[in-house]
Amino acid sequence: MRAYNLKRVDKEYDIHLQAWLNHAATATKEQGKKVVSVYKDFQDFFDYKKRLRELETPTKRTEPHLIRLAQIAKKANEGQ
C-alpha cells in the first residue's frame, strides 16, 4: 500500500506541475494598450537544445558520494 500511495503522490505532483506549466504557457503581459503573450514561441518557453546541452555538460561540482558510487560501479563492471 505504501508503494501505491507514493505512486499516487507522484502522479498528483505531475498533474499539478502540468497545470502550473499550462498557466505559465498562457501567461500574458501588457505592452502599452495591448495584451501580449509572455512567450513568443515554444522555444522561449522550453529550450530543448539548451536543456540537452545542460545534461551533456558535466557539472563543475560533483557530490563526493556520487564520485564514490561511480568508483564502486566501475569496479563492479570490471569484475573486481
PDB file of N, CA and C in Angstrom:
ATOM      1  N   MET A   1       0.819  -1.199   0.000  1.00  0.00           N
ATOM      2  CA  MET A   1       0.000   0.000   0.000  1.00  0.00           C
ATOM      3  C   MET A   1       0.865   1.267   0.000  1.00  0.00           C
ATOM      4  N   ARG A   2       1.993   1.197   0.703  1.00  0.00           N
ATOM      5  CA  ARG A   2       2.854   2.376   0.763  1.00  0.00           C
ATOM      6  C   ARG A   2       3.360   2.740  -0.634  1.00  0.00           C
ATOM      7  N   ALA A   3       3.791   1.735  -1.393  1.00  0.00           N
ATOM      8  CA  ALA A   3       4.280   1.995  -2.747  1.00  0.00           C
ATOM      9  C   ALA A   3       3.174   2.574  -3.618  1.00  0.00           C
ATOM     10  N   TYR A   4       1.965   2.047  -3.489  1.00  0.00           N
ATOM     11  CA  TYR A   4       0.831   2.566  -4.251  1.00  0.00           C
ATOM     12  C   TYR A   4       0.565   4.020  -3.895  1.00  0.00           C
ATOM     13  N   ASN A   5       0.559   4.320  -2.598  1.00  0.00           N
ATOM     14  CA  ASN A   5       0.306   5.695  -2.153  1.00  0.00           C
ATOM     15  C   ASN A   5       1.393   6.649  -2.633  1.00  0.00           C
ATOM     16  N   LEU A   6       2.657   6.200  -2.602  1.00  0.00           N
ATOM     17  CA  LEU A   6       3.747   7.039  -3.100  1.00  0.00           C
ATOM     18  C   LEU A   6       3.597   7.279  -4.601  1.00  0.00           C
ATOM     19  N   LYS A   7       3.182   6.249  -5.321  1.00  0.00           N
ATOM     20  CA  LYS A   7       2.965   6.398  -6.756  1.00  0.00           C
ATOM     21  C   LYS A   7       1.853   7.409  -7.019  1.00  0.00           C
ATOM     22  N   ARG A   8       0.811   7.390  -6.209  1.00  0.00           N
ATOM     23  CA  ARG A   8      -0.296   8.340  -6.360  1.00  0.00           C
ATOM     24  C   ARG A   8       0.182   9.772  -6.101  1.00  0.00           C
ATOM     25  N   VAL A   9       1.022   9.947  -5.097  1.00  0.00           N
ATOM     26  CA  VAL A   9       1.555  11.278  -4.801  1.00  0.00           C
ATOM     27  C   VAL A   9       2.389  11.772  -5.975  1.00  0.00           C
ATOM     28  N   ASP A  10       3.193  10.888  -6.567  1.00  0.00           N
ATOM     29  CA  ASP A  10       3.982  11.273  -7.744  1.00  0.00           C
ATOM     30  C   ASP A  10       3.071  11.677  -8.900  1.00  0.00           C
ATOM     31  N   LYS A  11       1.977  10.952  -9.080  1.00  0.00           N
ATOM     32  CA  LYS A  11       1.035  11.276 -10.149  1.00  0.00           C
ATOM     33  C   LYS A  11       0.374  12.637  -9.882  1.00  0.00           C
ATOM     34  N   GLU A  12       0.003  12.880  -8.627  1.00  0.00           N
ATOM     35  CA  GLU A  12      -0.576  14.179  -8.259  1.00  0.00           C
ATOM     36  C   GLU A  12       0.415  15.298  -8.530  1.00  0.00           C
ATOM     37  N   TYR A  13       1.682  15.054  -8.217  1.00  0.00           N
ATOM     38  CA  TYR A  13       2.721  16.044  -8.474  1.00  0.00           C
ATOM     39  C   TYR A  13       2.790  16.360  -9.970  1.00  0.00           C
ATOM     40  N   ASP A  14       2.793  15.312 -10.797  1.00  0.00           N
ATOM     41  CA  ASP A  14       2.840  15.519 -12.244  1.00  0.00           C
ATOM     42  C   ASP A  14       1.636  16.318 -12.736  1.00  0.00           C
ATOM     43  N   ILE A  15       0.458  16.020 -12.195  1.00  0.00           N
ATOM     44  CA  ILE A  15      -0.755  16.741 -12.586  1.00  0.00           C
ATOM     45  C   ILE A  15      -0.641  18.212 -12.215  1.00  0.00           C
ATOM     46  N   HIS A  16      -0.178  18.494 -11.029  1.00  0.00           N
ATOM     47  CA  HIS A  16      -0.043  19.884 -10.589  1.00  0.00           C
ATOM     48  C   HIS A  16       1.043  20.616 -11.376  1.00  0.00           C
ATOM     49  N   LEU A  17       2.126  19.925 -11.682  1.00  0.00           N
ATOM     50  CA  LEU A  17       3.184  20.525 -12.488  1.00  0.00           C
ATOM     51  C   LEU A  17       2.649  20.874 -13.873  1.00  0.00           C
ATOM     52  N   GLN A  18       1.863  19.981 -14.460  1.00  0.00           N
ATOM     53  CA  GLN A  18       1.274  20.246 -15.771  1.00  0.00           C
ATOM     54  C   GLN A  18       0.348  21.458 -15.713  1.00  0.00           C
ATOM     55  N   ALA A  19      -0.447  21.550 -14.663  1.00  0.00           N
ATOM     56  CA  ALA A  19      -1.340  22.703 -14.512  1.00  0.00           C
ATOM     57  C   ALA A  19      -0.528  23.995 -14.391  1.00  0.00           C
ATOM     58  N   TRP A  20       0.554  23.936 -13.640  1.00  0.00           N
ATOM     59  CA  TRP A  20       1.404  25.119 -13.477  1.00  0.00           C
ATOM     60  C   TRP A  20       2.019  25.529 -14.820  1.00  0.00           C
ATOM     61  N   LEU A  21       2.493  24.549 -15.576  1.00  0.00           N
ATOM     62  CA  LEU A  21       3.077  24.847 -16.881  1.00  0.00           C
ATOM     63  C   LEU A  21       2.029  25.388 -17.850  1.00  0.00           C
ATOM     64  N   ASN A  22       0.810  24.854 -17.791  1.00  0.00           N
ATOM     65  CA  ASN A  22      -0.266  25.387 -18.633  1.00  0.00           C
ATOM     66  C   ASN A  22      -0.522  26.851 -18.309  1.00  0.00           C
ATOM     67  N   HIS A  23      -0.510  27.164 -17.025  1.00  0.00           N
ATOM     68  CA  HIS A  23      -0.707  28.553 -16.601  1.00  0.00           C
ATOM     69  C   HIS A  23       0.441  29.433 -17.093  1.00  0.00           C
ATOM     70  N   ALA A  24       1.659  28.937 -16.950  1.00  0.00           N
ATOM     71  CA  ALA A  24       2.825  29.718 -17.377  1.00  0.00           C
ATOM     72  C   ALA A  24       2.828  29.920 -18.889  1.00  0.00           C
ATOM     73  N   ALA A  25       2.413  28.899 -19.624  1.00  0.00           N
ATOM     74  CA  ALA A  25       2.428  28.988 -21.090  1.00  0.00           C
ATOM     75  C   ALA A  25       1.403  29.998 -21.608  1.00  0.00           C
ATOM     76  N   THR A  26       0.325  30.185 -20.884  1.00  0.00           N
ATOM     77  CA  THR A  26      -0.711  31.125 -21.327  1.00  0.00           C
ATOM     78  C   THR A  26      -0.567  32.492 -20.671  1.00  0.00           C
ATOM     79  N   ALA A  27       0.535  32.716 -19.997  1.00  0.00           N
ATOM     80  CA  ALA A  27       0.758  33.990 -19.316  1.00  0.00           C
ATOM     81  C   ALA A  27       0.803  35.140 -20.332  1.00  0.00           C
ATOM     82  N   THR A  28       0.277  36.273 -19.913  1.00  0.00           N
ATOM     83  CA  THR A  28       0.278  37.460 -20.766  1.00  0.00           C
ATOM     84  C   THR A  28       0.836  38.644 -19.989  1.00  0.00           C
ATOM     85  N   LYS A  29       1.178  39.678 -20.737  1.00  0.00           N
ATOM     86  CA  LYS A  29       1.643  40.922 -20.127  1.00  0.00           C
ATOM     87  C   LYS A  29       1.119  42.077 -20.964  1.00  0.00           C
ATOM     88  N   GLU A  30       1.072  43.226 -20.369  1.00  0.00           N
ATOM     89  CA  GLU A  30       0.591  44.411 -21.086  1.00  0.00           C
ATOM     90  C   GLU A  30       1.763  45.139 -21.721  1.00  0.00           C
ATOM     91  N   GLN A  31       1.591  45.499 -22.974  1.00  0.00           N
ATOM     92  CA  GLN A  31       2.550  46.340 -23.679  1.00  0.00           C
ATOM     93  C   GLN A  31       1.758  47.529 -24.204  1.00  0.00           C
ATOM     94  N   GLY A  32       1.873  48.609 -23.484  1.00  0.00           N
ATOM     95  CA  GLY A  32       1.062  49.771 -23.847  1.00  0.00           C
ATOM     96  C   GLY A  32      -0.401  49.443 -23.589  1.00  0.00           C
ATOM     97  N   LYS A  33      -1.210  49.514 -24.640  1.00  0.00           N
ATOM     98  CA  LYS A  33      -2.633  49.206 -24.501  1.00  0.00           C
ATOM     99  C   LYS A  33      -2.958  47.771 -24.910  1.00  0.00           C
ATOM    100  N   LYS A  34      -1.968  47.041 -25.425  1.00  0.00           N
ATOM    101  CA  LYS A  34      -2.191  45.671 -25.881  1.00  0.00           C
ATOM    102  C   LYS A  34      -1.783  44.671 -24.804  1.00  0.00           C
ATOM    103  N   VAL A  35      -2.419  43.516 -24.857  1.00  0.00           N
ATOM    104  CA  VAL A  35      -2.035  42.389 -24.007  1.00  0.00           C
ATOM    105  C   VAL A  35      -1.407  41.355 -24.928  1.00  0.00           C
ATOM    106  N   VAL A  36      -0.145  41.009 -24.639  1.00  0.00           N
ATOM    107  CA  VAL A  36       0.585  40.066 -25.479  1.00  0.00           C
ATOM    108  C   VAL A  36       1.069  38.890 -24.644  1.00  0.00           C
ATOM    109  N   SER A  37       1.362  37.796 -25.322  1.00  0.00           N
ATOM    110  CA  SER A  37       1.869  36.599 -24.664  1.00  0.00           C
ATOM    111  C   SER A  37       3.284  36.855 -24.145  1.00  0.00           C
ATOM    112  N   VAL A  38       3.600  36.287 -22.995  1.00  0.00           N
ATOM    113  CA  VAL A  38       4.936  36.430 -22.428  1.00  0.00           C
ATOM    114  C   VAL A  38       5.948  35.707 -23.314  1.00  0.00           C
ATOM    115  N   TYR A  39       5.542  34.564 -23.870  1.00  0.00           N
ATOM    116  CA  TYR A  39       6.429  33.760 -24.713  1.00  0.00           C
ATOM    117  C   TYR A  39       6.007  33.918 -26.168  1.00  0.00           C
ATOM    118  N   LYS A  40       6.939  34.299 -27.008  1.00  0.00           N
ATOM    119  CA  LYS A  40       6.638  34.483 -28.425  1.00  0.00           C
ATOM    120  C   LYS A  40       6.491  33.149 -29.145  1.00  0.00           C
ATOM    121  N   ASP A  41       7.296  32.152 -28.755  1.00  0.00           N
ATOM    122  CA  ASP A  41       7.177  30.817 -29.335  1.00  0.00           C
ATOM    123  C   ASP A  41       7.564  29.782 -28.283  1.00  0.00           C
ATOM    124  N   PHE A  42       7.420  28.514 -28.652  1.00  0.00           N
ATOM    125  CA  PHE A  42       7.655  27.442 -27.693  1.00  0.00           C
ATOM    126  C   PHE A  42       9.088  27.418 -27.198  1.00  0.00           C
ATOM    127  N   GLN A  43      10.040  27.758 -28.053  1.00  0.00           N
ATOM    128  CA  GLN A  43      11.445  27.728 -27.654  1.00  0.00           C
ATOM    129  C   GLN A  43      11.731  28.730 -26.537  1.00  0.00           C
ATOM    130  N   ASP A  44      11.008  29.839 -26.501  1.00  0.00           N
ATOM    131  CA  ASP A  44      11.163  30.780 -25.390  1.00  0.00           C
ATOM    132  C   ASP A  44      10.688  30.160 -24.082  1.00  0.00           C
ATOM    133  N   PHE A  45       9.683  29.299 -24.180  1.00  0.00           N
ATOM    134  CA  PHE A  45       9.123  28.649 -23.001  1.00  0.00           C
ATOM    135  C   PHE A  45       9.995  27.483 -22.538  1.00  0.00           C
ATOM    136  N   PHE A  46      10.439  26.652 -23.497  1.00  0.00           N
ATOM    137  CA  PHE A  46      11.283  25.500 -23.182  1.00  0.00           C
ATOM    138  C   PHE A  46      12.290  25.324 -24.298  1.00  0.00           C
ATOM    139  N   ASP A  47      13.550  25.586 -23.998  1.00  0.00           N
ATOM    140  CA  ASP A  47      14.611  25.456 -24.985  1.00  0.00           C
ATOM    141  C   ASP A  47      15.182  24.035 -24.917  1.00  0.00           C
ATOM    142  N   TYR A  48      14.687  23.193 -25.808  1.00  0.00           N
ATOM    143  CA  TYR A  48      15.040  21.772 -25.819  1.00  0.00           C
ATOM    144  C   TYR A  48      16.532  21.561 -26.024  1.00  0.00           C
ATOM    145  N   LYS A  49      17.092  22.240 -26.994  1.00  0.00           N
ATOM    146  CA  LYS A  49      18.516  22.062 -27.292  1.00  0.00           C
ATOM    147  C   LYS A  49      19.390  22.519 -26.121  1.00  0.00           C
ATOM    148  N   LYS A  50      19.017  23.614 -25.482  1.00  0.00           N
ATOM    149  CA  LYS A  50      19.769  24.107 -24.324  1.00  0.00           C
ATOM    150  C   LYS A  50      19.712  23.091 -23.192  1.00  0.00           C
ATOM    151  N   ARG A  51      18.542  22.512 -22.976  1.00  0.00           N
ATOM    152  CA  ARG A  51      18.377  21.526 -21.908  1.00  0.00           C
ATOM    153  C   ARG A  51      19.223  20.283 -22.179  1.00  0.00           C
ATOM    154  N   LEU A  52      19.280  19.850 -23.442  1.00  0.00           N
ATOM    155  CA  LEU A  52      20.128  18.703 -23.789  1.00  0.00           C
ATOM    156  C   LEU A  52      21.597  19.009 -23.548  1.00  0.00           C
ATOM    157  N   ARG A  53      22.017  20.234 -23.896  1.00  0.00           N
ATOM    158  CA  ARG A  53      23.410  20.619 -23.657  1.00  0.00           C
ATOM    159  C   ARG A  53      23.720  20.609 -22.164  1.00  0.00           C
ATOM    160  N   GLU A  54      22.777  21.064 -21.346  1.00  0.00           N
ATOM    161  CA  GLU A  54      22.993  21.066 -19.897  1.00  0.00           C
ATOM    162  C   GLU A  54      23.196  19.651 -19.372  1.00  0.00           C
ATOM    163  N   LEU A  55      22.455  18.706 -19.921  1.00  0.00           N
ATOM    164  CA  LEU A  55      22.582  17.326 -19.468  1.00  0.00           C
ATOM    165  C   LEU A  55      23.882  16.689 -19.929  1.00  0.00           C
ATOM    166  N   GLU A  56      24.353  17.080 -21.105  1.00  0.00           N
ATOM    167  CA  GLU A  56      25.572  16.501 -21.648  1.00  0.00           C
ATOM    168  C   GLU A  56      26.831  17.115 -21.039  1.00  0.00           C
ATOM    169  N   THR A  57      26.735  18.321 -20.550  1.00  0.00           N
ATOM    170  CA  THR A  57      27.875  19.001 -19.962  1.00  0.00           C
ATOM    171  C   THR A  57      28.077  18.520 -18.535  1.00  0.00           C
ATOM    172  N   PRO A  58      29.262  18.041 -18.206  1.00  0.00           N
ATOM    173  CA  PRO A  58      29.480  17.600 -16.829  1.00  0.00           C
ATOM    174  C   PRO A  58      29.380  18.776 -15.863  1.00  0.00           C
ATOM    175  N   THR A  59      28.840  18.498 -14.705  1.00  0.00           N
ATOM    176  CA  THR A  59      28.714  19.544 -13.701  1.00  0.00           C
ATOM    177  C   THR A  59      30.084  19.856 -13.125  1.00  0.00           C
ATOM    178  N   LYS A  60      30.262  21.083 -12.723  1.00  0.00           N
ATOM    179  CA  LYS A  60      31.551  21.507 -12.173  1.00  0.00           C
ATOM    180  C   LYS A  60      31.753  20.963 -10.769  1.00  0.00           C
ATOM    181  N   ARG A  61      30.660  20.826 -10.037  1.00  0.00           N
ATOM    182  CA  ARG A  61      30.757  20.360  -8.658  1.00  0.00           C
ATOM    183  C   ARG A  61      30.035  19.022  -8.546  1.00  0.00           C
ATOM    184  N   THR A  62      30.794  17.953  -8.389  1.00  0.00           N
ATOM    185  CA  THR A  62      30.205  16.633  -8.237  1.00  0.00           C
ATOM    186  C   THR A  62      30.208  16.273  -6.762  1.00  0.00           C
ATOM    187  N   GLU A  63      29.086  15.770  -6.322  1.00  0.00           N
ATOM    188  CA  GLU A  63      28.951  15.393  -4.916  1.00  0.00           C
ATOM    189  C   GLU A  63      29.903  14.233  -4.600  1.00  0.00           C
ATOM    190  N   PRO A  64      30.549  14.268  -3.440  1.00  0.00           N
ATOM    191  CA  PRO A  64      31.511  13.214  -3.074  1.00  0.00           C
ATOM    192  C   PRO A  64      30.895  11.815  -3.068  1.00  0.00           C
ATOM    193  N   HIS A  65      29.665  11.696  -2.606  1.00  0.00           N
ATOM    194  CA  HIS A  65      29.058  10.366  -2.567  1.00  0.00           C
ATOM    195  C   HIS A  65      28.786   9.839  -3.979  1.00  0.00           C
ATOM    196  N   LEU A  66      28.548  10.731  -4.947  1.00  0.00           N
ATOM    197  CA  LEU A  66      28.345  10.299  -6.323  1.00  0.00           C
ATOM    198  C   LEU A  66      29.653   9.817  -6.941  1.00  0.00           C
ATOM    199  N   ILE A  67      30.748  10.478  -6.590  1.00  0.00           N
ATOM    200  CA  ILE A  67      32.069  10.034  -7.064  1.00  0.00           C
ATOM    201  C   ILE A  67      32.354   8.643  -6.518  1.00  0.00           C
ATOM    202  N   ARG A  68      32.080   8.441  -5.244  1.00  0.00           N
ATOM    203  CA  ARG A  68      32.317   7.135  -4.605  1.00  0.00           C
ATOM    204  C   ARG A  68      31.447   6.062  -5.253  1.00  0.00           C
ATOM    205  N   LEU A  69      30.182   6.372  -5.535  1.00  0.00           N
ATOM    206  CA  LEU A  69      29.308   5.405  -6.178  1.00  0.00           C
ATOM    207  C   LEU A  69      29.793   5.073  -7.588  1.00  0.00           C
ATOM    208  N   ALA A  70      30.301   6.060  -8.297  1.00  0.00           N
ATOM    209  CA  ALA A  70      30.832   5.821  -9.641  1.00  0.00           C
ATOM    210  C   ALA A  70      32.052   4.906  -9.578  1.00  0.00           C
ATOM    211  N   GLN A  71      32.898   5.100  -8.575  1.00  0.00           N
ATOM    212  CA  GLN A  71      34.067   4.240  -8.419  1.00  0.00           C
ATOM    213  C   GLN A  71      33.649   2.802  -8.118  1.00  0.00           C
ATOM    214  N   ILE A  72      32.643   2.643  -7.275  1.00  0.00           N
ATOM    215  CA  ILE A  72      32.142   1.305  -6.941  1.00  0.00           C
ATOM    216  C   ILE A  72      31.554   0.646  -8.189  1.00  0.00           C
ATOM    217  N   ALA A  73      30.805   1.389  -8.955  1.00  0.00           N
ATOM    218  CA  ALA A  73      30.205   0.850 -10.169  1.00  0.00           C
ATOM    219  C   ALA A  73      31.285   0.457 -11.182  1.00  0.00           C
ATOM    220  N   LYS A  74      32.323   1.269 -11.273  1.00  0.00           N
ATOM    221  CA  LYS A  74      33.410   0.962 -12.199  1.00  0.00           C
ATOM    222  C   LYS A  74      34.078  -0.361 -11.805  1.00  0.00           C
ATOM    223  N   LYS A  75      34.348  -0.536 -10.517  1.00  0.00           N
ATOM    224  CA  LYS A  75      34.973  -1.772 -10.049  1.00  0.00           C
ATOM    225  C   LYS A  75      34.051  -2.966 -10.292  1.00  0.00           C
ATOM    226  N   ALA A  76      32.756  -2.782 -10.074  1.00  0.00           N
ATOM    227  CA  ALA A  76      31.802  -3.868 -10.300  1.00  0.00           C
ATOM    228  C   ALA A  76      31.756  -4.244 -11.783  1.00  0.00           C
ATOM    229  N   ASN A  77      31.809  -3.265 -12.640  1.00  0.00           N
ATOM    230  CA  ASN A  77      31.794  -3.529 -14.079  1.00  0.00           C
ATOM    231  C   ASN A  77      33.068  -4.214 -14.553  1.00  0.00           C
ATOM    232  N   GLU A  78      34.166  -3.942 -13.862  1.00  0.00           N
ATOM    233  CA  GLU A  78      35.437  -4.577 -14.214  1.00  0.00           C
ATOM    234  C   GLU A  78      35.546  -5.975 -13.643  1.00  0.00           C
ATOM    235  N   GLY A  79      34.595  -6.360 -12.805  1.00  0.00           N
ATOM    236  CA  GLY A  79      34.580  -7.698 -12.220  1.00  0.00           C
ATOM    237  C   GLY A  79      35.441  -7.842 -10.995  1.00  0.00           C
ATOM    238  N   GLN A  80      35.695  -6.778 -10.284  1.00  0.00           N
ATOM    239  CA  GLN A  80      36.540  -6.863  -9.091  1.00  0.00           C
ATOM    240  C   GLN A  80      35.707  -6.976  -7.851  1.00  0.00           C
TER     241      GLN A  80
END
